[in-house]
Amino acid sequence: MEKFVPLEKMSKKAKREFYKTQRGSWGAIKPITRRPPNPKAYRRKKGPAGLDLFFFS
């Protein structure tokens, strides 16, 4: 049986290992911020070719 060592007295390496075991996974959730694109922003990407002909004819 291992001795109990308080977290304050652990080495940096031991603390990292301890915190690594405490962390869980995000599962299916992606931790990036998701928001819709700004409709007023200028977009450099062109649409598919011929799309403008369809709307203006």
PDB file of N, CA and C in Angstrom:
ATOM      1  N   MET A   1       0.843  -1.179   0.000  1.00  0.00           N
ATOM      2  CA  MET A   1       0.000   0.000   0.000  1.00  0.00           C
ATOM      3  C   MET A   1       0.888   1.243   0.000  1.00  0.00           C
ATOM      4  N   GLU A   2       0.531   2.201  -0.881  1.00  0.00           N
ATOM      5  CA  GLU A   2       1.337   3.414  -0.989  1.00  0.00           C
ATOM      6  C   GLU A   2       0.993   4.388   0.117  1.00  0.00           C
ATOM      7  N   LYS A   3       1.996   5.168   0.503  1.00  0.00           N
ATOM      8  CA  LYS A   3       1.761   6.196   1.513  1.00  0.00           C
ATOM      9  C   LYS A   3       0.947   7.331   0.907  1.00  0.00           C
ATOM     10  N   PHE A   4       0.140   7.977   1.738  1.00  0.00           N
ATOM     11  CA  PHE A   4      -0.609   9.143   1.300  1.00  0.00           C
ATOM     12  C   PHE A   4       0.300  10.364   1.354  1.00  0.00           C
ATOM     13  N   VAL A   5       0.394  11.064   0.228  1.00  0.00           N
ATOM     14  CA  VAL A   5       1.182  12.286   0.162  1.00  0.00           C
ATOM     15  C   VAL A   5       0.230  13.400  -0.250  1.00  0.00           C
ATOM     16  N   PRO A   6       0.154  14.475   0.541  1.00  0.00           N
ATOM     17  CA  PRO A   6      -0.740  15.572   0.158  1.00  0.00           C
ATOM     18  C   PRO A   6      -0.325  16.183  -1.176  1.00  0.00           C
ATOM     19  N   LEU A   7      -1.310  16.727  -1.867  1.00  0.00           N
ATOM     20  CA  LEU A   7      -1.079  17.286  -3.195  1.00  0.00           C
ATOM     21  C   LEU A   7      -0.056  18.423  -3.169  1.00  0.00           C
ATOM     22  N   GLU A   8      -0.041  19.206  -2.102  1.00  0.00           N
ATOM     23  CA  GLU A   8       0.897  20.334  -2.006  1.00  0.00           C
ATOM     24  C   GLU A   8       2.346  19.852  -1.939  1.00  0.00           C
ATOM     25  N   LYS A   9       2.559  18.663  -1.406  1.00  0.00           N
ATOM     26  CA  LYS A   9       3.920  18.157  -1.234  1.00  0.00           C
ATOM     27  C   LYS A   9       4.382  17.270  -2.386  1.00  0.00           C
ATOM     28  N   MET A  10       3.502  16.995  -3.338  1.00  0.00           N
ATOM     29  CA  MET A  10       3.885  16.160  -4.474  1.00  0.00           C
ATOM     30  C   MET A  10       4.793  16.932  -5.416  1.00  0.00           C
ATOM     31  N   SER A  11       5.600  16.193  -6.146  1.00  0.00           N
ATOM     32  CA  SER A  11       6.445  16.829  -7.154  1.00  0.00           C
ATOM     33  C   SER A  11       5.576  17.243  -8.343  1.00  0.00           C
ATOM     34  N   LYS A  12       6.143  18.088  -9.186  1.00  0.00           N
ATOM     35  CA  LYS A  12       5.395  18.571 -10.352  1.00  0.00           C
ATOM     36  C   LYS A  12       4.999  17.405 -11.262  1.00  0.00           C
ATOM     37  N   LYS A  13       5.917  16.459 -11.422  1.00  0.00           N
ATOM     38  CA  LYS A  13       5.664  15.300 -12.263  1.00  0.00           C
ATOM     39  C   LYS A  13       4.530  14.437 -11.681  1.00  0.00           C
ATOM     40  N   ALA A  14       4.545  14.246 -10.364  1.00  0.00           N
ATOM     41  CA  ALA A  14       3.510  13.444  -9.711  1.00  0.00           C
ATOM     42  C   ALA A  14       2.147  14.138  -9.790  1.00  0.00           C
ATOM     43  N   LYS A  15       2.148  15.476  -9.658  1.00  0.00           N
ATOM     44  CA  LYS A  15       0.890  16.221  -9.783  1.00  0.00           C
ATOM     45  C   LYS A  15       0.304  16.075 -11.173  1.00  0.00           C
ATOM     46  N   ARG A  16       1.175  16.154 -12.192  1.00  0.00           N
ATOM     47  CA  ARG A  16       0.706  15.996 -13.568  1.00  0.00           C
ATOM     48  C   ARG A  16       0.058  14.633 -13.760  1.00  0.00           C
ATOM     49  N   GLU A  17       0.685  13.591 -13.243  1.00  0.00           N
ATOM     50  CA  GLU A  17       0.122  12.239 -13.354  1.00  0.00           C
ATOM     51  C   GLU A  17      -1.212  12.141 -12.621  1.00  0.00           C
ATOM     52  N   PHE A  18      -1.302  12.761 -11.448  1.00  0.00           N
ATOM     53  CA  PHE A  18      -2.549  12.742 -10.673  1.00  0.00           C
ATOM     54  C   PHE A  18      -3.671  13.427 -11.432  1.00  0.00           C
ATOM     55  N   TYR A  19      -3.388  14.626 -11.960  1.00  0.00           N
ATOM     56  CA  TYR A  19      -4.419  15.375 -12.679  1.00  0.00           C
ATOM     57  C   TYR A  19      -4.809  14.682 -13.983  1.00  0.00           C
ATOM     58  N   LYS A  20      -3.851  13.981 -14.601  1.00  0.00           N
ATOM     59  CA  LYS A  20      -4.147  13.247 -15.830  1.00  0.00           C
ATOM     60  C   LYS A  20      -5.162  12.141 -15.569  1.00  0.00           C
ATOM     61  N   THR A  21      -5.047  11.486 -14.398  1.00  0.00           N
ATOM     62  CA  THR A  21      -6.004  10.422 -14.065  1.00  0.00           C
ATOM     63  C   THR A  21      -7.377  10.998 -13.727  1.00  0.00           C
ATOM     64  N   GLN A  22      -7.428  12.230 -13.218  1.00  0.00           N
ATOM     65  CA  GLN A  22      -8.703  12.842 -12.846  1.00  0.00           C
ATOM     66  C   GLN A  22      -9.490  13.346 -14.058  1.00  0.00           C
ATOM     67  N   ARG A  23      -8.769  13.726 -15.120  1.00  0.00           N
ATOM     68  CA  ARG A  23      -9.444  14.260 -16.311  1.00  0.00           C
ATOM     69  C   ARG A  23     -10.164  13.161 -17.057  1.00  0.00           C
ATOM     70  N   GLY A  24     -11.316  13.496 -17.573  1.00  0.00           N
ATOM     71  CA  GLY A  24     -12.059  12.557 -18.393  1.00  0.00           C
ATOM     72  C   GLY A  24     -11.983  12.957 -19.844  1.00  0.00           C
ATOM     73  N   SER A  25     -12.693  12.236 -20.678  1.00  0.00           N
ATOM     74  CA  SER A  25     -12.708  12.585 -22.089  1.00  0.00           C
ATOM     75  C   SER A  25     -13.967  13.392 -22.392  1.00  0.00           C
ATOM     76  N   TRP A  26     -13.927  14.105 -23.481  1.00  0.00           N
ATOM     77  CA  TRP A  26     -15.079  14.908 -23.893  1.00  0.00           C
ATOM     78  C   TRP A  26     -16.112  14.046 -24.599  1.00  0.00           C
ATOM     79  N   GLY A  27     -15.744  12.830 -24.975  1.00  0.00           N
ATOM     80  CA  GLY A  27     -16.689  11.959 -25.666  1.00  0.00           C
ATOM     81  C   GLY A  27     -17.002  12.508 -27.048  1.00  0.00           C
ATOM     82  N   ALA A  28     -18.291  12.626 -27.365  1.00  0.00           N
ATOM     83  CA  ALA A  28     -18.709  13.111 -28.684  1.00  0.00           C
ATOM     84  C   ALA A  28     -18.710  14.629 -28.760  1.00  0.00           C
ATOM     85  N   ILE A  29     -18.575  15.307 -27.621  1.00  0.00           N
ATOM     86  CA  ILE A  29     -18.609  16.767 -27.601  1.00  0.00           C
ATOM     87  C   ILE A  29     -17.248  17.312 -28.008  1.00  0.00           C
ATOM     88  N   LYS A  30     -17.249  18.286 -28.927  1.00  0.00           N
ATOM     89  CA  LYS A  30     -16.001  18.926 -29.329  1.00  0.00           C
ATOM     90  C   LYS A  30     -15.879  20.224 -28.551  1.00  0.00           C
ATOM     91  N   PRO A  31     -14.753  20.451 -27.879  1.00  0.00           N
ATOM     92  CA  PRO A  31     -14.628  21.607 -26.994  1.00  0.00           C
ATOM     93  C   PRO A  31     -14.363  22.945 -27.694  1.00  0.00           C
ATOM     94  N   ILE A  32     -14.470  23.004 -29.031  1.00  0.00           N
ATOM     95  CA  ILE A  32     -14.255  24.279 -29.706  1.00  0.00           C
ATOM     96  C   ILE A  32     -15.538  25.086 -29.696  1.00  0.00           C
ATOM     97  N   THR A  33     -15.414  26.384 -29.771  1.00  0.00           N
ATOM     98  CA  THR A  33     -16.582  27.250 -29.800  1.00  0.00           C
ATOM     99  C   THR A  33     -17.215  27.160 -31.173  1.00  0.00           C
ATOM    100  N   ARG A  34     -18.536  26.999 -31.198  1.00  0.00           N
ATOM    101  CA  ARG A  34     -19.242  26.911 -32.473  1.00  0.00           C
ATOM    102  C   ARG A  34     -20.239  28.041 -32.544  1.00  0.00           C
ATOM    103  N   ARG A  35     -20.183  28.785 -33.628  1.00  0.00           N
ATOM    104  CA  ARG A  35     -21.150  29.847 -33.830  1.00  0.00           C
ATOM    105  C   ARG A  35     -21.396  29.999 -35.313  1.00  0.00           C
ATOM    106  N   PRO A  36     -22.562  30.509 -35.708  1.00  0.00           N
ATOM    107  CA  PRO A  36     -22.847  30.631 -37.135  1.00  0.00           C
ATOM    108  C   PRO A  36     -21.977  31.705 -37.785  1.00  0.00           C
ATOM    109  N   PRO A  37     -21.731  31.606 -39.077  1.00  0.00           N
ATOM    110  CA  PRO A  37     -20.916  32.619 -39.740  1.00  0.00           C
ATOM    111  C   PRO A  37     -21.638  33.964 -39.777  1.00  0.00           C
ATOM    112  N   ASN A  38     -20.871  35.036 -39.753  1.00  0.00           N
ATOM    113  CA  ASN A  38     -21.429  36.379 -39.781  1.00  0.00           C
ATOM    114  C   ASN A  38     -21.983  36.652 -41.183  1.00  0.00           C
ATOM    115  N   PRO A  39     -23.282  36.925 -41.320  1.00  0.00           N
ATOM    116  CA  PRO A  39     -23.846  37.136 -42.659  1.00  0.00           C
ATOM    117  C   PRO A  39     -23.371  38.434 -43.313  1.00  0.00           C
ATOM    118  N   LYS A  40     -22.902  39.396 -42.533  1.00  0.00           N
ATOM    119  CA  LYS A  40     -22.444  40.669 -43.084  1.00  0.00           C
ATOM    120  C   LYS A  40     -20.969  40.635 -43.488  1.00  0.00           C
ATOM    121  N   ALA A  41     -20.257  39.594 -43.099  1.00  0.00           N
ATOM    122  CA  ALA A  41     -18.822  39.521 -43.370  1.00  0.00           C
ATOM    123  C   ALA A  41     -18.567  39.212 -44.842  1.00  0.00           C
ATOM    124  N   TYR A  42     -17.472  39.744 -45.381  1.00  0.00           N
ATOM    125  CA  TYR A  42     -17.058  39.487 -46.754  1.00  0.00           C
ATOM    126  C   TYR A  42     -16.425  38.103 -46.804  1.00  0.00           C
ATOM    127  N   ARG A  43     -16.908  37.288 -47.722  1.00  0.00           N
ATOM    128  CA  ARG A  43     -16.366  35.943 -47.877  1.00  0.00           C
ATOM    129  C   ARG A  43     -15.600  35.862 -49.190  1.00  0.00           C
ATOM    130  N   ARG A  44     -14.335  35.457 -49.123  1.00  0.00           N
ATOM    131  CA  ARG A  44     -13.500  35.373 -50.317  1.00  0.00           C
ATOM    132  C   ARG A  44     -13.811  34.134 -51.139  1.00  0.00           C
ATOM    133  N   LYS A  45     -14.306  33.087 -50.494  1.00  0.00           N
ATOM    134  CA  LYS A  45     -14.578  31.852 -51.218  1.00  0.00           C
ATOM    135  C   LYS A  45     -15.698  32.063 -52.221  1.00  0.00           C
ATOM    136  N   LYS A  46     -15.484  31.633 -53.419  1.00  0.00           N
ATOM    137  CA  LYS A  46     -16.502  31.729 -54.461  1.00  0.00           C
ATOM    138  C   LYS A  46     -17.437  30.532 -54.340  1.00  0.00           C
ATOM    139  N   GLY A  47     -18.666  30.719 -54.766  1.00  0.00           N
ATOM    140  CA  GLY A  47     -19.620  29.621 -54.789  1.00  0.00           C
ATOM    141  C   GLY A  47     -19.323  28.714 -55.967  1.00  0.00           C
ATOM    142  N   PRO A  48     -20.112  27.673 -56.144  1.00  0.00           N
ATOM    143  CA  PRO A  48     -19.906  26.784 -57.283  1.00  0.00           C
ATOM    144  C   PRO A  48     -20.114  27.541 -58.599  1.00  0.00           C
ATOM    145  N   ALA A  49     -19.385  27.158 -59.624  1.00  0.00           N
ATOM    146  CA  ALA A  49     -19.479  27.826 -60.920  1.00  0.00           C
ATOM    147  C   ALA A  49     -20.877  27.623 -61.501  1.00  0.00           C
ATOM    148  N   GLY A  50     -21.426  28.672 -62.089  1.00  0.00           N
ATOM    149  CA  GLY A  50     -22.741  28.585 -62.713  1.00  0.00           C
ATOM    150  C   GLY A  50     -23.884  28.881 -61.771  1.00  0.00           C
ATOM    151  N   LEU A  51     -23.613  29.079 -60.509  1.00  0.00           N
ATOM    152  CA  LEU A  51     -24.683  29.327 -59.544  1.00  0.00           C
ATOM    153  C   LEU A  51     -25.337  30.678 -59.796  1.00  0.00           C
ATOM    154  N   ASP A  52     -24.519  31.694 -60.139  1.00  0.00           N
ATOM    155  CA  ASP A  52     -25.078  33.022 -60.372  1.00  0.00           C
ATOM    156  C   ASP A  52     -25.940  33.051 -61.635  1.00  0.00           C
ATOM    157  N   LEU A  53     -25.651  32.234 -62.627  1.00  0.00           N
ATOM    158  CA  LEU A  53     -26.460  32.170 -63.847  1.00  0.00           C
ATOM    159  C   LEU A  53     -27.850  31.629 -63.535  1.00  0.00           C
ATOM    160  N   PHE A  54     -27.907  30.706 -62.603  1.00  0.00           N
ATOM    161  CA  PHE A  54     -29.193  30.095 -62.244  1.00  0.00           C
ATOM    162  C   PHE A  54     -30.129  31.127 -61.606  1.00  0.00           C
ATOM    163  N   PHE A  55     -29.581  31.983 -60.776  1.00  0.00           N
ATOM    164  CA  PHE A  55     -30.415  32.948 -60.053  1.00  0.00           C
ATOM    165  C   PHE A  55     -30.806  34.150 -60.911  1.00  0.00           C
ATOM    166  N   PHE A  56     -29.979  34.512 -61.908  1.00  0.00           N
ATOM    167  CA  PHE A  56     -30.239  35.714 -62.688  1.00  0.00           C
ATOM    168  C   PHE A  56     -30.943  35.454 -64.000  1.00  0.00           C
ATOM    169  N   SER A  57     -31.263  34.223 -64.333  1.00  0.00           N
ATOM    170  CA  SER A  57     -31.926  33.974 -65.609  1.00  0.00           C
ATOM    171  C   SER A  57     -33.407  33.728 -65.452  1.00  0.00           C
TER     172      SER A  57
END
